[in-house]
Protein backbone atom coordinates (compact mmCIF):
# COMPACT_ATOMS: atom_id res chain seq x y z
CA VAL A 1 -3.70 45.95 9.84
CA PRO A 2 -4.94 45.39 13.75
CA SER A 3 -8.43 45.62 12.61
CA ILE A 4 -7.99 43.00 9.87
CA ILE A 5 -6.50 40.71 12.20
CA ARG A 6 -9.07 41.06 14.75
CA SER A 7 -11.61 40.29 12.31
CA VAL A 8 -10.19 37.00 11.76
CA GLY A 9 -12.53 34.52 13.44
CA LEU A 10 -11.32 31.93 16.05
CA ASP A 11 -11.87 28.99 13.95
CA ARG A 12 -9.94 30.49 11.26
CA THR A 13 -7.17 31.17 13.46
CA LEU A 14 -6.97 27.73 14.94
CA ALA A 15 -6.77 26.37 11.42
CA LEU A 16 -3.76 28.89 10.49
CA ARG A 17 -2.10 27.80 13.73
CA GLN A 18 -2.55 24.12 12.95
CA GLN A 19 -1.54 24.54 9.42
CA THR A 20 1.60 26.30 10.54
CA GLN A 21 2.22 23.83 13.08
CA PHE A 22 2.03 20.96 10.30
CA LEU A 23 4.36 22.93 7.81
CA TRP A 24 7.17 23.39 10.54
CA ASP A 25 6.87 19.67 11.76
CA ALA A 26 6.69 18.37 8.24
CA TYR A 27 9.57 20.46 6.76
CA PHE A 28 11.69 22.63 8.73
CA SER A 29 11.93 21.17 12.25
CA SER A 30 15.18 19.91 11.40
CA VAL A 31 18.28 20.19 9.33
CA ALA A 32 17.54 16.73 7.74
CA LYS A 33 14.06 17.66 6.76
CA ILE A 34 14.85 20.94 5.65
CA VAL A 35 17.79 19.29 3.31
CA SER A 36 14.88 16.80 2.15
CA THR A 37 12.38 19.23 1.47
CA THR A 38 14.60 21.40 -0.65
CA LEU A 39 16.09 17.96 -2.70
CA GLU A 40 12.41 17.01 -3.48
CA ILE A 41 11.50 20.64 -4.49
CA ILE A 42 14.29 20.84 -6.84
CA GLN A 43 13.37 17.02 -8.13
CA ASP A 44 9.91 18.43 -8.82
CA ARG A 45 10.92 21.25 -10.64
CA VAL A 46 13.16 19.20 -12.65
CA GLN A 47 10.69 16.41 -13.20
CA ALA A 48 7.39 18.78 -13.77
CA HIS A 49 5.43 15.76 -15.40
CA VAL A 50 5.67 13.63 -12.28
CA SER A 51 5.73 16.66 -9.71
CA ARG A 52 3.38 16.57 -6.67
CA SER A 53 0.38 18.92 -6.25
CA GLY A 54 -0.11 21.24 -3.65
CA LEU A 55 -2.61 19.20 -1.92
CA LEU A 56 0.07 16.68 -1.22
CA TRP A 57 2.57 19.52 -0.06
CA ASN A 58 0.24 21.28 2.20
CA ALA A 59 -1.90 18.53 3.85
CA LEU A 60 -0.99 15.71 6.10
CA PRO A 61 1.20 13.55 5.82
CA GLY A 62 3.24 15.95 3.86
CA GLY A 63 5.10 15.79 0.34
CA LEU A 64 7.83 13.99 1.81
CA TYR A 65 5.66 10.77 2.20
CA ALA A 66 4.10 11.09 -1.20
CA LEU A 67 6.36 9.11 -3.57
CA PRO A 68 5.87 10.77 -7.23
CA GLN A 69 7.52 7.30 -8.56
CA PHE A 70 4.34 5.57 -6.95
CA PHE A 71 1.78 8.03 -7.54
CA THR A 72 1.28 11.79 -8.00
CA ASP A 73 -2.78 11.77 -7.98
CA PRO A 74 -3.92 12.38 -4.58
CA SER A 75 -6.86 10.19 -5.39
CA ARG A 76 -4.52 7.11 -5.10
CA PHE A 77 -3.34 8.00 -1.36
CA PRO A 78 -5.64 7.23 1.50
CA PHE A 79 -4.48 9.94 3.49
CA TYR A 80 -6.63 12.22 1.21
CA TYR A 81 -9.91 10.41 0.80
CA ALA A 82 -11.80 12.56 3.42
CA MET A 83 -10.65 15.85 1.78
CA LEU A 84 -11.45 14.40 -1.99
CA GLY A 85 -14.69 12.82 -0.59
CA THR A 86 -13.79 9.44 -1.52
CA SER A 87 -13.71 6.04 0.08
CA PRO A 88 -11.31 3.25 -0.08
CA SER A 89 -11.81 0.01 -2.37
CA ALA A 90 -13.87 -2.51 -0.67
CA GLN A 91 -11.28 -5.32 -1.72
CA PHE A 92 -7.86 -5.96 -1.07
CA THR A 93 -4.56 -7.44 -3.02
CA ALA A 94 -2.80 -10.80 -1.95
CA VAL A 95 0.89 -10.31 -2.38
CA VAL A 96 2.81 -13.57 -2.26
CA GLN A 97 6.25 -13.74 -2.05
CA VAL A 98 8.08 -16.74 -3.31
CA LEU A 99 11.57 -17.29 -2.41
CA ALA A 100 12.40 -21.06 -2.38
CA GLN A 101 9.54 -22.78 -4.23
CA SER A 102 10.90 -26.41 -5.62
CA GLN A 103 7.40 -28.12 -6.54
CA LEU A 104 5.19 -26.09 -8.91
CA GLN A 105 4.34 -29.34 -10.91
CA SER A 106 1.94 -30.34 -8.36
CA GLN A 107 -1.29 -28.83 -7.82
CA THR A 108 -1.07 -29.77 -4.18
CA SER A 109 2.18 -27.84 -3.46
CA PRO A 110 1.51 -25.21 -0.86
CA LEU A 111 2.15 -22.64 -3.34
CA MET A 112 -0.90 -23.83 -5.39
CA LYS A 113 -3.25 -24.47 -2.80
CA LEU A 114 -2.59 -21.29 -1.17
CA ILE A 115 -3.46 -19.46 -4.52
CA VAL A 116 -6.62 -21.25 -4.76
CA ALA A 117 -7.47 -20.44 -1.10
CA VAL A 118 -7.04 -16.70 -1.34
CA ALA A 119 -8.94 -16.56 -4.81
CA LYS A 120 -12.15 -17.98 -3.00
CA SER A 121 -12.41 -14.84 -0.79
CA THR A 122 -15.00 -12.67 -1.90
CA PHE A 123 -12.70 -9.60 -0.94
CA CYS A 124 -9.71 -10.86 -3.21
CA ALA A 125 -9.42 -8.44 -6.18
CA GLN A 126 -6.18 -9.96 -7.30
CA ILE A 127 -3.26 -11.98 -6.50
CA VAL A 128 0.21 -10.66 -7.30
CA LEU A 129 3.18 -13.19 -6.81
CA LEU A 130 6.68 -11.78 -6.40
CA TRP A 131 9.06 -14.28 -7.67
CA ASN A 132 12.29 -13.89 -5.92
CA CYS A 133 12.98 -17.25 -6.22
CA ASP A 134 16.79 -18.29 -7.83
CA LYS A 135 14.88 -20.80 -10.28
CA PRO A 136 13.28 -19.74 -13.60
CA LEU A 137 9.82 -18.30 -14.03
CA PRO A 138 7.55 -21.09 -14.54
CA PRO A 139 5.35 -20.66 -17.72
CA GLY A 140 1.67 -19.79 -17.38
CA SER A 141 0.27 -23.06 -17.81
CA LYS A 142 1.95 -24.19 -14.62
CA TRP A 143 -0.32 -21.84 -12.73
CA PRO A 144 -3.81 -22.69 -11.49
CA SER A 145 -6.86 -20.92 -12.82
CA THR A 146 -8.49 -18.70 -10.63
CA SER A 147 -11.45 -16.28 -10.58
CA VAL A 148 -9.55 -13.46 -9.93
CA PRO A 149 -6.28 -11.98 -11.84
CA LEU A 150 -2.98 -13.56 -11.24
CA THR A 151 0.21 -11.35 -11.94
CA VAL A 152 3.77 -12.65 -11.62
CA ILE A 153 6.47 -10.14 -11.12
CA GLU A 154 10.03 -11.23 -10.97
CA GLY A 155 11.55 -9.40 -7.91
CA ARG A 156 13.70 -6.43 -8.29
CA THR A 157 15.85 -7.72 -5.31
CA LYS A 158 16.07 -11.21 -3.66
CA SER A 159 14.96 -10.12 -0.32
CA MET A 160 12.01 -9.74 2.17
CA SER A 161 11.70 -6.19 1.62
CA SER A 162 10.77 -6.50 -1.89
CA ARG A 163 7.08 -7.07 -0.62
CA PHE A 164 6.69 -3.65 0.22
CA TYR A 165 7.56 -2.05 -2.79
CA PRO A 166 4.68 0.10 -4.40
CA TYR A 167 4.18 -2.05 -7.35
CA ASP A 168 2.13 -0.35 -10.18
CA VAL A 169 0.02 -3.59 -10.69
CA ILE A 170 -1.54 -3.29 -7.31
CA LEU A 171 -4.88 -1.21 -7.45
CA THR A 172 -6.24 -1.77 -4.31
CA ASP A 173 -5.56 0.28 -0.78
CA ALA A 174 -5.62 -2.81 1.29
CA ILE A 175 -2.83 -5.48 0.84
CA LEU A 176 -2.72 -9.10 2.26
CA SER A 177 0.80 -9.96 2.60
CA LEU A 178 1.72 -13.48 2.55
CA ASP A 179 4.67 -16.03 2.44
CA GLU A 180 4.51 -19.11 -0.02
CA ASP A 181 4.06 -21.59 2.73
CA SER A 182 1.32 -19.71 4.44
CA VAL A 183 -1.68 -21.92 5.03
CA LEU A 184 -4.97 -20.29 5.30
CA SER A 185 -7.54 -21.58 7.71
CA THR A 186 -10.02 -24.02 5.97
CA ASN A 187 -12.77 -21.53 6.70
CA GLU A 188 -12.73 -18.35 4.57
CA ASP A 189 -14.74 -16.50 7.32
CA GLY A 190 -11.68 -15.55 9.11
CA THR A 191 -9.99 -13.71 6.34
CA ALA A 192 -13.30 -11.99 5.39
CA ALA A 193 -13.84 -11.03 9.27
CA THR A 194 -10.21 -9.56 9.52
CA PHE A 195 -10.84 -7.69 6.46
CA GLU A 196 -14.05 -6.15 7.66
CA LEU A 197 -12.04 -5.44 10.93
CA LEU A 198 -9.27 -3.43 8.95
CA GLU A 199 -12.00 -1.38 7.36
CA GLU A 200 -13.40 -0.14 10.71
CA SER A 201 -9.99 0.81 11.75
CA LYS A 202 -7.61 1.72 8.62
CA ASN A 203 -4.94 2.90 10.78
CA ASN A 204 -4.23 -0.44 12.55
CA GLN A 205 -2.16 -3.56 11.20
CA CYS A 206 -4.29 -6.66 11.24
CA THR A 207 -3.32 -10.11 11.76
CA VAL A 208 -5.14 -13.11 9.74
CA PRO A 209 -5.74 -16.27 11.40
CA LEU A 210 -3.20 -18.80 9.62
CA SER A 211 -2.77 -22.38 10.02
CA LYS A 212 0.76 -21.86 9.30
CA ALA A 213 3.43 -19.38 8.90
CA SER A 214 2.20 -15.74 8.71
CA GLY A 215 0.08 -13.01 6.90
CA SER A 216 -1.13 -9.61 7.67
CA PHE A 217 -2.83 -6.77 5.97
């Protein structure tokens, strides 16, 4: 046994130590993590059709951060792109939360103008509207015609946090989160430049230059 241990190279030894440290930090460093890990493993055993793979459990950030109700395919998580030899999509999804819209009849309403402005971006792949308004959902004929897919989802909850739910219709890695009354800069270059900056520094949140309200990737 000692000779076998001594035969292990320094690089391999370092990799094993790092993996051991990761497993400790992710699953065993506190009582709360031990309990969460146990419950998640039980869930994977009971619901085997949506269980997490070994890669999701044994690579950063760990199985507790990969929600099986979102995706179980590692290729859908940006954490594993380097391991799988893939790269993130070169487009974004605009998610617009609607809480108190009252003027959908007019094509000059803030929401309508926002949809048209976002759709003009060369990097926009789709627009998703979260209808969290108490008013009935307008018919499809009321929405403007756009060059990108426009999907309207009736919100699960009437809260600001619903925009962070991992909706199945979102197919891009980057998300541009907007309020219904946001007014994009008249020049599309600002959004494009911000998205290009985001691609260069994927671990950061980038702010889009807006004329009013707020928006961020």
